[in-house]
C-alpha atoms as a PDB file:
ATOM      1  CA  MET A   1       3.320   1.448 -10.408  1.00  0.00           C
ATOM      2  CA  LYS A   2       6.085   3.216  -8.592  1.00  0.00           C
ATOM      3  CA  THR A   3       5.307   3.959  -4.873  1.00  0.00           C
ATOM      4  CA  THR A   4       5.941   7.506  -3.663  1.00  0.00           C
ATOM      5  CA  THR A   5       6.555   9.223  -0.321  1.00  0.00           C
ATOM      6  CA  ASN A   6       2.801  10.053  -0.317  1.00  0.00           C
ATOM      7  CA  ASP A   7       1.854   6.378  -0.712  1.00  0.00           C
ATOM      8  CA  ARG A   8       3.910   5.590   2.308  1.00  0.00           C
ATOM      9  CA  VAL A   9       2.146   8.197   4.394  1.00  0.00           C
ATOM     10  CA  VAL A  10      -1.204   6.820   3.151  1.00  0.00           C
ATOM     11  CA  LEU A  11      -0.325   3.218   3.934  1.00  0.00           C
ATOM     12  CA  VAL A  12       1.125   4.123   7.413  1.00  0.00           C
ATOM     13  CA  ASN A  13      -1.904   6.158   8.213  1.00  0.00           C
ATOM     14  CA  LEU A  14      -4.307   3.438   7.232  1.00  0.00           C
ATOM     15  CA  ARG A  15      -2.349   0.854   9.412  1.00  0.00           C
ATOM     16  CA  GLY A  16      -2.778   3.279  12.401  1.00  0.00           C
ATOM     17  CA  VAL A  17      -2.011   1.619  15.666  1.00  0.00           C
ATOM     18  CA  LYS A  18      -1.998  -1.887  14.336  1.00  0.00           C
ATOM     19  CA  SER A  19       1.378  -3.412  14.156  1.00  0.00           C
ATOM     20  CA  ARG A  20       3.013  -4.228  10.800  1.00  0.00           C
ATOM     21  CA  SER A  21       3.200  -7.942  11.847  1.00  0.00           C
ATOM     22  CA  ASP A  22      -0.597  -8.106  12.566  1.00  0.00           C
ATOM     23  CA  VAL A  23      -1.410  -6.437   9.114  1.00  0.00           C
ATOM     24  CA  ALA A  24       1.039  -8.641   7.357  1.00  0.00           C
ATOM     25  CA  PHE A  25      -0.300 -11.676   8.907  1.00  0.00           C
ATOM     26  CA  ASP A  26      -3.882 -10.701   7.878  1.00  0.00           C
ATOM     27  CA  LEU A  27      -2.577 -10.071   4.383  1.00  0.00           C
ATOM     28  CA  LYS A  28      -0.633 -13.305   4.362  1.00  0.00           C
ATOM     29  CA  ILE A  29       2.535 -11.681   3.509  1.00  0.00           C
ATOM     30  CA  THR A  30       5.723 -11.139   5.455  1.00  0.00           C
ATOM     31  CA  PRO A  31       6.081  -8.041   7.614  1.00  0.00           C
ATOM     32  CA  GLN A  32       9.250  -7.342   5.634  1.00  0.00           C
ATOM     33  CA  MET A  33       7.185  -7.233   2.389  1.00  0.00           C
ATOM     34  CA  LEU A  34       4.756  -4.919   3.954  1.00  0.00           C
ATOM     35  CA  GLY A  35       7.498  -2.674   5.192  1.00  0.00           C
ATOM     36  CA  ALA A  36       9.075  -2.590   1.727  1.00  0.00           C
ATOM     37  CA  ILE A  37       5.785  -1.674   0.041  1.00  0.00           C
ATOM     38  CA  GLU A  38       5.145   1.107   2.676  1.00  0.00           C
ATOM     39  CA  ARG A  39       8.696   2.461   2.073  1.00  0.00           C
ATOM     40  CA  GLY A  40       8.261   2.316  -1.603  1.00  0.00           C
ATOM     41  CA  ASP A  41      11.013  -0.195  -2.078  1.00  0.00           C
ATOM     42  CA  ARG A  42       8.734  -2.821  -3.612  1.00  0.00           C
ATOM     43  CA  THR A  43       5.692  -2.426  -5.866  1.00  0.00           C
ATOM     44  CA  PRO A  44       2.898  -4.891  -5.011  1.00  0.00           C
ATOM     45  CA  SER A  45       1.396  -6.956  -7.715  1.00  0.00           C
ATOM     46  CA  LEU A  46      -2.185  -5.784  -8.828  1.00  0.00           C
ATOM     47  CA  ARG A  47      -3.574  -8.713  -6.912  1.00  0.00           C
ATOM     48  CA  LEU A  48      -1.761  -7.646  -3.762  1.00  0.00           C
ATOM     49  CA  ALA A  49      -2.573  -4.024  -4.156  1.00  0.00           C
ATOM     50  CA  LYS A  50      -6.194  -4.916  -4.444  1.00  0.00           C
ATOM     51  CA  LYS A  51      -5.960  -7.092  -1.465  1.00  0.00           C
ATOM     52  CA  ILE A  52      -4.450  -4.180   0.619  1.00  0.00           C
ATOM     53  CA  ALA A  53      -7.098  -1.751  -0.626  1.00  0.00           C
ATOM     54  CA  ASP A  54      -9.820  -4.181   0.253  1.00  0.00           C
ATOM     55  CA  TYR A  55      -8.300  -4.772   3.711  1.00  0.00           C
ATOM     56  CA  TYR A  56      -8.328  -0.994   4.418  1.00  0.00           C
ATOM     57  CA  GLY A  57     -11.626  -0.448   2.834  1.00  0.00           C
ATOM     58  CA  THR A  58     -10.439   1.884   0.144  1.00  0.00           C
ATOM     59  CA  THR A  59      -9.397   1.751  -3.462  1.00  0.00           C
ATOM     60  CA  VAL A  60      -5.960   0.990  -5.252  1.00  0.00           C
ATOM     61  CA  ASP A  61      -6.311   4.479  -6.630  1.00  0.00           C
ATOM     62  CA  GLU A  62      -6.547   6.094  -3.308  1.00  0.00           C
ATOM     63  CA  ILE A  63      -3.569   4.321  -1.995  1.00  0.00           C
ATOM     64  CA  PHE A  64      -1.141   4.052  -4.880  1.00  0.00           C
ATOM     65  CA  PHE A  65      -2.079   6.853  -7.217  1.00  0.00           C
ATOM     66  CA  ASN A  66      -2.054  10.604  -6.405  1.00  0.00           C
ATOM     67  CA  HIS A  67      -5.261  12.530  -6.856  1.00  0.00           C
ATOM     68  CA  LEU A  68      -3.843  14.573  -9.841  1.00  0.00           C
ATOM     69  CA  GLY A  69      -3.373  11.465 -11.892  1.00  0.00           C
ATOM     70  CA  HIS A  70      -0.454   9.025 -12.279  1.00  0.00           C
ATOM     71  CA  ALA A  71       2.255  10.167 -14.698  1.00  0.00           C
ATOM     72  CA  SER A  72       2.074   6.925 -16.690  1.00  0.00           C
ATOM     73  CA  CYS A  73      -1.719   7.595 -17.204  1.00  0.00           C
ATOM     74  CA  LEU A  74      -1.435  11.216 -18.502  1.00  0.00           C
END
Protein backbone atom coordinates (compact mmCIF):
# COMPACT_ATOMS: atom_id res chain seq x y z
CA MET A 1 0.00 0.00 0.00
CA LYS A 2 2.15 2.87 -1.30
CA THR A 3 1.00 6.26 -0.05
CA THR A 4 0.61 8.98 -2.68
CA THR A 5 0.47 12.77 -2.64
CA ASN A 6 -3.33 12.51 -2.68
CA ASP A 7 -3.21 10.45 0.53
CA ARG A 8 -1.09 13.13 2.15
CA VAL A 9 -3.68 15.77 1.30
CA VAL A 10 -6.46 13.55 2.63
CA LEU A 11 -4.64 12.89 5.91
CA VAL A 12 -3.64 16.52 6.44
CA ASN A 13 -7.19 17.68 5.67
CA LEU A 14 -8.63 15.15 8.08
CA ARG A 15 -6.23 16.29 10.80
CA GLY A 16 -7.47 19.87 10.29
CA VAL A 17 -6.39 22.23 13.06
CA LYS A 18 -5.32 19.45 15.43
CA SER A 19 -1.59 19.27 15.93
CA ARG A 20 0.33 16.27 14.67
CA SER A 21 1.43 15.66 18.26
CA ASP A 22 -2.15 15.53 19.53
CA VAL A 23 -3.30 13.11 16.84
CA ALA A 24 -0.20 10.94 17.29
CA PHE A 25 -0.79 10.84 21.05
CA ASP A 26 -4.40 9.76 20.51
CA LEU A 27 -3.26 7.04 18.06
CA LYS A 28 -0.44 5.96 20.41
CA ILE A 29 2.27 6.52 17.79
CA THR A 30 5.05 9.08 17.58
CA PRO A 31 4.52 12.40 15.79
CA GLN A 32 7.44 11.41 13.58
CA MET A 33 5.62 8.23 12.49
CA LEU A 34 2.43 10.17 11.76
CA GLY A 35 4.42 12.72 9.75
CA ALA A 36 6.12 9.95 7.78
CA ILE A 37 2.74 8.39 6.98
CA GLU A 38 1.33 11.78 5.94
CA ARG A 39 4.36 12.42 3.69
CA GLY A 40 4.17 8.95 2.18
CA ASP A 41 7.57 7.96 3.53
CA ARG A 42 6.07 5.11 5.61
CA THR A 43 3.19 2.78 4.93
CA PRO A 44 1.12 1.97 8.00
CA SER A 45 0.34 -1.62 8.92
CA LEU A 46 -3.22 -2.68 8.20
CA ARG A 47 -3.96 -2.45 11.92
CA LEU A 48 -2.63 1.12 12.11
CA ALA A 49 -4.36 2.13 8.86
CA LYS A 50 -7.66 0.89 10.35
CA LYS A 51 -6.94 2.72 13.60
CA ILE A 52 -6.30 5.96 11.66
CA ALA A 53 -9.48 5.50 9.61
CA ASP A 54 -11.55 4.82 12.74
CA TYR A 55 -10.02 7.87 14.45
CA TYR A 56 -11.13 10.11 11.59
CA GLY A 57 -14.48 8.36 11.14
CA THR A 58 -13.78 7.19 7.61
CA THR A 59 -12.52 4.08 5.83
CA VAL A 60 -9.07 2.81 4.94
CA ASP A 61 -10.15 2.94 1.29
CA GLU A 62 -11.11 6.61 1.51
CA ILE A 63 -7.72 7.54 2.98
CA PHE A 64 -5.21 5.23 1.33
CA PHE A 65 -6.76 4.23 -2.00
CA ASN A 66 -7.85 6.56 -4.76
CA HIS A 67 -11.43 6.48 -5.98
CA LEU A 68 -10.48 5.00 -9.36
CA GLY A 69 -9.05 1.87 -7.77
CA HIS A 70 -5.61 0.98 -6.58
CA ALA A 71 -3.11 -0.19 -9.22
CA SER A 72 -2.41 -3.42 -7.35
CA CYS A 73 -6.12 -4.26 -7.34
CA LEU A 74 -6.69 -3.81 -11.08
